[in-house]
Amino acid sequence: MSPNNLLDAPKKQRPLTPLQERFLKSGLEGFNDEEIIELFLSLCVPRHQYKKLTERYIEQFKNLRGFLTASPEELERAGVALHVIFCIKLLHELPVEILKQKIVDRSIYTSAKEVVDYLSYSMRDLKKEVFKVIYLNNRSQIIDTEDLFEGTLEDIPIRPREIVESAIRYKATALIFAHNHPSGDPTPSKSDKQMTRDLVFIGMVLQIKVLDHIIIGENTYFSFADDGLIQKYEDNFLNLKIRGVFDVGVSYARKLPAVFVPLLPSINLIEETVVKFL
């Protein structure tokens, strides 16, 4: 049924509100935040309530984004009804699922830009750091995605063994890592770089290629692959392998030139992680 037909629908149907009629004619063009919240509430609360509720939610959450990205716990504390919380969560999750299906349906992965829309929409407004893994097969086709770890505002515990176990479970031969910075700045920290290097090393031992690690910020992102760091870490690993470090262990690695000393924690971690899988 076209928008015009909807407007001309029989009177026995529930009549549209003025905002609903306006939306059918021209979409959200010209709507302000308060009108969009009111339009949304018109779908899930009685007509006599949504104007008053809109004013209250604007006061509490400041704007549309604050309202729609608030966590269920924050919404409940603000007195938002459970059925409204359900509608908000569904509204947020549907585009995430559509964007996820879009990247999974791609015939081949070639760059970070191909998954950034999905990652940005699903991760940029998270209040805590979340570590996501994207699994790919040997044809660089995306198999699936999974949120593996959740941390605090500034830190997230990463357990490499669980990453390896999940890769084996999905029969993945390549991985893309992603996590968000709630601060909005995607610049990688020292620990981000060390953790990524360790995961690249472990992946090379187990022949599971790390294609990228993407950090999501506020309308921007950082790609370790685009910045050349993934290749750098692979080169570091090959240099160590040439010297036989991974054949004779950490005790020998400590005798290497000083340039290799910062890599000792990574070598330790590899030994602890991969022994179960080799």
Protein backbone atom coordinates (compact mmCIF):
# COMPACT_ATOMS: atom_id res chain seq x y z
CA MET A 1 0.00 0.00 0.00
CA SER A 2 1.47 3.37 -0.99
CA PRO A 3 1.74 6.29 1.48
CA ASN A 4 -1.14 8.06 -0.30
CA ASN A 5 -3.32 4.98 0.01
CA LEU A 6 -2.42 4.75 3.68
CA LEU A 7 -3.55 8.32 4.20
CA ASP A 8 -6.81 7.51 2.42
CA ALA A 9 -7.39 4.29 4.42
CA PRO A 10 -10.88 3.57 5.78
CA LYS A 11 -11.85 5.57 8.85
CA LYS A 12 -12.37 2.38 10.90
CA GLN A 13 -8.59 2.00 11.01
CA ARG A 14 -6.69 3.83 13.72
CA PRO A 15 -6.18 7.37 12.36
CA LEU A 16 -2.66 8.63 11.85
CA THR A 17 -1.30 11.45 13.93
CA PRO A 18 -0.17 14.64 12.15
CA LEU A 19 3.47 13.63 12.63
CA GLN A 20 2.83 10.17 11.19
CA GLU A 21 1.11 11.68 8.13
CA ARG A 22 4.02 14.08 7.68
CA PHE A 23 6.53 11.22 7.94
CA LEU A 24 4.70 9.18 5.28
CA LYS A 25 4.82 12.11 2.88
CA SER A 26 8.45 13.20 3.34
CA GLY A 27 10.34 10.90 5.73
CA LEU A 28 12.24 12.53 8.57
CA GLU A 29 13.18 15.60 6.55
CA GLY A 30 12.63 18.71 8.66
CA PHE A 31 11.99 16.79 11.92
CA ASN A 32 13.79 17.87 15.08
CA ASP A 33 14.84 15.49 17.85
CA GLU A 34 11.74 16.08 19.94
CA GLU A 35 9.43 15.37 16.99
CA ILE A 36 11.29 12.16 16.13
CA ILE A 37 11.01 10.89 19.71
CA GLU A 38 7.32 11.77 19.69
CA LEU A 39 6.89 9.95 16.38
CA PHE A 40 8.64 6.90 17.80
CA LEU A 41 6.55 6.91 20.98
CA SER A 42 3.37 7.15 18.91
CA LEU A 43 3.99 3.53 17.93
CA CYS A 44 4.23 2.13 21.44
CA VAL A 45 2.30 4.29 23.94
CA PRO A 46 -1.28 5.64 24.03
CA ARG A 47 -1.86 8.90 22.18
CA HIS A 48 -2.66 10.86 25.32
CA GLN A 49 0.74 9.98 26.84
CA TYR A 50 3.43 10.41 24.21
CA LYS A 51 3.61 14.22 24.11
CA LYS A 52 4.18 14.41 27.86
CA LEU A 53 6.65 11.52 27.76
CA THR A 54 8.56 13.13 24.90
CA GLU A 55 9.13 16.28 26.95
CA ARG A 56 10.29 14.19 29.88
CA TYR A 57 12.73 12.10 27.83
CA ILE A 58 14.21 15.14 26.12
CA GLU A 59 14.85 16.64 29.55
CA GLN A 60 16.44 13.43 30.83
CA PHE A 61 18.44 12.31 27.77
CA LYS A 62 19.06 15.74 26.13
CA ASN A 63 18.60 14.60 22.50
CA LEU A 64 17.52 11.79 20.19
CA ARG A 65 20.86 10.01 20.24
CA GLY A 66 21.05 10.07 24.02
CA PHE A 67 17.57 8.55 24.20
CA LEU A 68 18.07 5.81 21.59
CA THR A 69 21.59 4.80 22.70
CA ALA A 70 20.91 4.66 26.43
CA SER A 71 21.36 1.20 27.91
CA PRO A 72 18.27 -0.75 29.07
CA GLU A 73 19.45 -0.19 32.64
CA GLU A 74 19.67 3.58 32.14
CA LEU A 75 16.24 3.66 30.51
CA GLU A 76 14.70 1.61 33.31
CA ARG A 77 16.22 3.87 35.97
CA ALA A 78 14.69 6.84 34.14
CA GLY A 79 11.25 5.24 34.41
CA VAL A 80 10.91 4.20 30.76
CA ALA A 81 8.34 1.41 30.41
CA LEU A 82 9.63 -2.05 29.51
CA HIS A 83 7.68 -2.22 26.25
CA VAL A 84 9.26 1.10 25.18
CA ILE A 85 12.72 -0.25 26.09
CA PHE A 86 11.93 -3.30 23.95
CA CYS A 87 11.02 -1.08 21.00
CA ILE A 88 14.23 0.96 21.38
CA LYS A 89 16.41 -2.15 21.50
CA LEU A 90 14.66 -3.63 18.47
CA LEU A 91 15.06 -0.34 16.59
CA HIS A 92 18.79 -0.39 17.31
CA GLU A 93 19.40 -4.09 16.63
CA LEU A 94 17.63 -4.31 13.26
CA PRO A 95 20.14 -2.10 11.38
CA VAL A 96 23.01 -3.94 13.13
CA GLU A 97 21.69 -7.25 11.84
CA ILE A 98 21.16 -5.86 8.33
CA LEU A 99 24.71 -4.44 8.21
CA LYS A 100 26.09 -7.71 9.58
CA GLN A 101 24.28 -9.72 6.90
CA LYS A 102 25.62 -7.30 4.30
CA ILE A 103 29.26 -8.02 5.21
CA VAL A 104 28.67 -11.76 5.62
CA ASP A 105 27.14 -11.87 2.15
CA ARG A 106 30.22 -10.27 0.56
CA SER A 107 32.05 -12.64 -1.78
CA ILE A 108 35.47 -11.54 -0.51
CA TYR A 109 36.96 -9.21 2.13
CA THR A 110 39.56 -6.73 0.87
CA SER A 111 39.77 -3.76 3.27
CA ALA A 112 38.68 -2.26 6.60
CA LYS A 113 36.25 0.09 4.87
CA GLU A 114 34.03 -2.85 3.98
CA VAL A 115 33.21 -3.62 7.62
CA VAL A 116 33.50 -0.18 9.23
CA ASP A 117 29.83 0.74 8.65
CA TYR A 118 28.75 -2.35 10.56
CA LEU A 119 31.35 -1.95 13.30
CA SER A 120 30.75 1.77 13.71
CA TYR A 121 26.98 1.48 14.02
CA SER A 122 27.13 -1.47 16.40
CA MET A 123 30.02 -0.26 18.62
CA ARG A 124 30.48 3.52 18.63
CA ASP A 125 27.87 4.27 21.32
CA LEU A 126 28.82 1.46 23.70
CA LYS A 127 29.58 2.69 27.21
CA LYS A 128 32.17 -0.06 27.82
CA GLU A 129 34.93 -1.53 25.68
CA VAL A 130 33.83 -4.61 23.73
CA PHE A 131 36.18 -6.89 21.79
CA LYS A 132 34.67 -8.38 18.65
CA VAL A 133 36.08 -11.07 16.34
CA ILE A 134 35.15 -11.47 12.67
CA TYR A 135 35.85 -14.97 11.34
CA LEU A 136 36.81 -15.64 7.70
CA ASN A 137 37.39 -18.78 5.66
CA ASN A 138 40.30 -19.56 3.32
CA ARG A 139 38.60 -17.63 0.50
CA SER A 140 38.50 -14.44 2.64
CA GLN A 141 34.73 -14.73 2.99
CA ILE A 142 33.25 -13.65 6.31
CA ILE A 143 31.70 -16.57 8.18
CA ASP A 144 30.33 -14.80 11.25
CA THR A 145 31.06 -12.27 14.00
CA GLU A 146 31.10 -12.63 17.78
CA ASP A 147 31.54 -10.38 20.81
CA LEU A 148 34.11 -12.27 22.88
CA PHE A 149 35.09 -9.92 25.71
CA GLU A 150 33.63 -6.95 27.54
CA GLY A 151 35.59 -4.62 29.77
CA THR A 152 35.34 -1.28 31.51
CA LEU A 153 35.36 2.27 30.21
CA GLU A 154 39.13 2.15 29.66
CA ASP A 155 40.25 -1.47 29.72
CA ILE A 156 39.27 -4.90 28.45
CA PRO A 157 40.71 -8.30 29.42
CA ILE A 158 41.74 -10.31 26.35
CA ARG A 159 42.30 -14.07 26.67
CA PRO A 160 44.14 -15.31 23.56
CA ARG A 161 43.32 -18.96 24.21
CA GLU A 162 39.59 -18.23 23.97
CA ILE A 163 40.17 -16.42 20.67
CA VAL A 164 42.01 -19.46 19.30
CA GLU A 165 39.31 -21.82 20.55
CA SER A 166 36.60 -19.74 18.90
CA ALA A 167 38.55 -19.63 15.60
CA ILE A 168 38.81 -23.41 15.62
CA ARG A 169 35.11 -23.70 16.45
CA TYR A 170 34.23 -21.60 13.40
CA LYS A 171 36.89 -23.39 11.29
CA ALA A 172 38.28 -19.94 10.46
CA THR A 173 41.59 -19.47 8.68
CA ALA A 174 41.68 -15.68 9.10
CA LEU A 175 40.47 -13.20 11.71
CA ILE A 176 39.64 -9.51 12.01
CA PHE A 177 39.62 -8.01 15.49
CA ALA A 178 37.68 -4.93 16.50
CA HIS A 179 37.07 -3.04 19.69
CA ASN A 180 35.72 0.38 20.60
CA HIS A 181 37.13 3.30 22.54
CA PRO A 182 34.26 4.89 24.51
CA SER A 183 36.34 8.08 24.73
CA GLY A 184 35.75 8.55 20.99
CA ASP A 185 39.47 8.66 20.14
CA PRO A 186 40.48 5.53 18.18
CA THR A 187 44.23 6.09 18.57
CA PRO A 188 45.70 2.74 19.72
CA SER A 189 47.27 2.63 23.17
CA LYS A 190 50.55 0.89 23.94
CA SER A 191 48.61 -2.09 25.29
CA ASP A 192 46.45 -2.17 22.13
CA LYS A 193 49.60 -2.45 20.02
CA GLN A 194 51.22 -5.09 22.22
CA MET A 195 48.04 -7.17 22.34
CA THR A 196 47.65 -6.98 18.56
CA ARG A 197 51.27 -7.99 18.03
CA ASP A 198 50.81 -10.97 20.37
CA LEU A 199 47.70 -12.10 18.50
CA VAL A 200 49.49 -11.80 15.15
CA PHE A 201 52.36 -13.92 16.53
CA ILE A 202 49.99 -16.57 17.88
CA GLY A 203 48.06 -16.60 14.62
CA MET A 204 51.24 -17.15 12.59
CA VAL A 205 52.25 -20.09 14.79
CA LEU A 206 48.82 -21.68 14.32
CA GLN A 207 48.49 -20.63 10.65
CA ILE A 208 45.47 -18.43 11.37
CA LYS A 209 46.07 -15.10 9.67
CA VAL A 210 45.21 -11.84 11.44
CA LEU A 211 43.99 -9.54 8.67
CA ASP A 212 43.33 -6.44 10.76
CA HIS A 213 42.50 -4.94 14.12
CA ILE A 214 40.07 -2.03 13.86
CA ILE A 215 39.46 0.44 16.68
CA ILE A 216 36.13 2.27 16.53
CA GLY A 217 35.88 5.85 17.80
CA GLU A 218 33.41 8.70 17.40
CA ASN A 219 32.68 8.79 13.65
CA THR A 220 36.23 7.65 12.93
CA TYR A 221 38.35 4.53 13.19
CA PHE A 222 41.92 3.22 13.22
CA SER A 223 43.05 0.22 11.15
CA PHE A 224 46.24 -1.61 12.10
CA ALA A 225 46.42 -3.05 8.57
CA ASP A 226 45.96 0.30 6.84
CA ASP A 227 48.65 1.78 9.10
CA GLY A 228 51.11 -0.99 8.16
CA LEU A 229 51.33 -2.44 11.68
CA ILE A 230 50.00 -5.92 10.86
CA GLN A 231 52.73 -6.32 8.25
CA LYS A 232 55.30 -4.98 10.71
CA TYR A 233 54.29 -7.55 13.35
CA GLU A 234 54.42 -10.36 10.79
CA ASP A 235 57.94 -9.26 9.84
CA ASN A 236 58.93 -9.23 13.54
CA PHE A 237 57.66 -12.77 13.89
CA LEU A 238 59.57 -13.97 10.82
CA ASN A 239 62.77 -12.38 12.11
CA LEU A 240 62.37 -14.26 15.39
CA LYS A 241 61.55 -17.48 13.58
CA ILE A 242 64.65 -17.17 11.42
CA ARG A 243 66.70 -16.91 14.62
CA GLY A 244 65.07 -20.09 15.92
CA VAL A 245 63.45 -18.47 18.94
CA PHE A 246 60.23 -20.44 18.66
CA ASP A 247 62.13 -23.71 18.39
CA VAL A 248 64.27 -23.28 21.52
CA GLY A 249 62.07 -21.12 23.73
CA VAL A 250 62.29 -18.08 25.97
CA SER A 251 65.54 -19.05 27.72
CA TYR A 252 67.38 -18.65 24.42
CA ALA A 253 65.36 -15.57 23.44
CA ARG A 254 66.75 -13.73 26.47
CA LYS A 255 70.21 -13.98 24.91
CA LEU A 256 69.12 -12.14 21.74
CA PRO A 257 70.15 -8.55 20.98
CA ALA A 258 68.42 -5.82 22.99
CA VAL A 259 66.09 -4.96 20.11
CA PHE A 260 64.24 -8.23 20.77
CA VAL A 261 63.83 -7.78 24.54
CA PRO A 262 60.40 -6.05 24.23
CA LEU A 263 59.15 -9.18 22.42
CA LEU A 264 59.87 -11.55 25.32
CA PRO A 265 56.33 -11.20 26.84
CA SER A 266 54.89 -12.11 23.44
CA ILE A 267 57.10 -15.20 23.21
CA ASN A 268 56.01 -16.26 26.70
CA LEU A 269 52.37 -15.75 25.77
CA ILE A 270 52.73 -17.78 22.58
CA GLU A 271 54.25 -20.71 24.47
CA GLU A 272 51.45 -20.61 27.05
CA THR A 273 48.67 -20.25 24.47
CA VAL A 274 49.56 -22.55 21.59
CA VAL A 275 50.89 -25.57 23.51
CA LYS A 276 47.32 -26.90 23.77
CA PHE A 277 46.68 -26.61 20.03
CA LEU A 278 49.93 -27.91 18.51
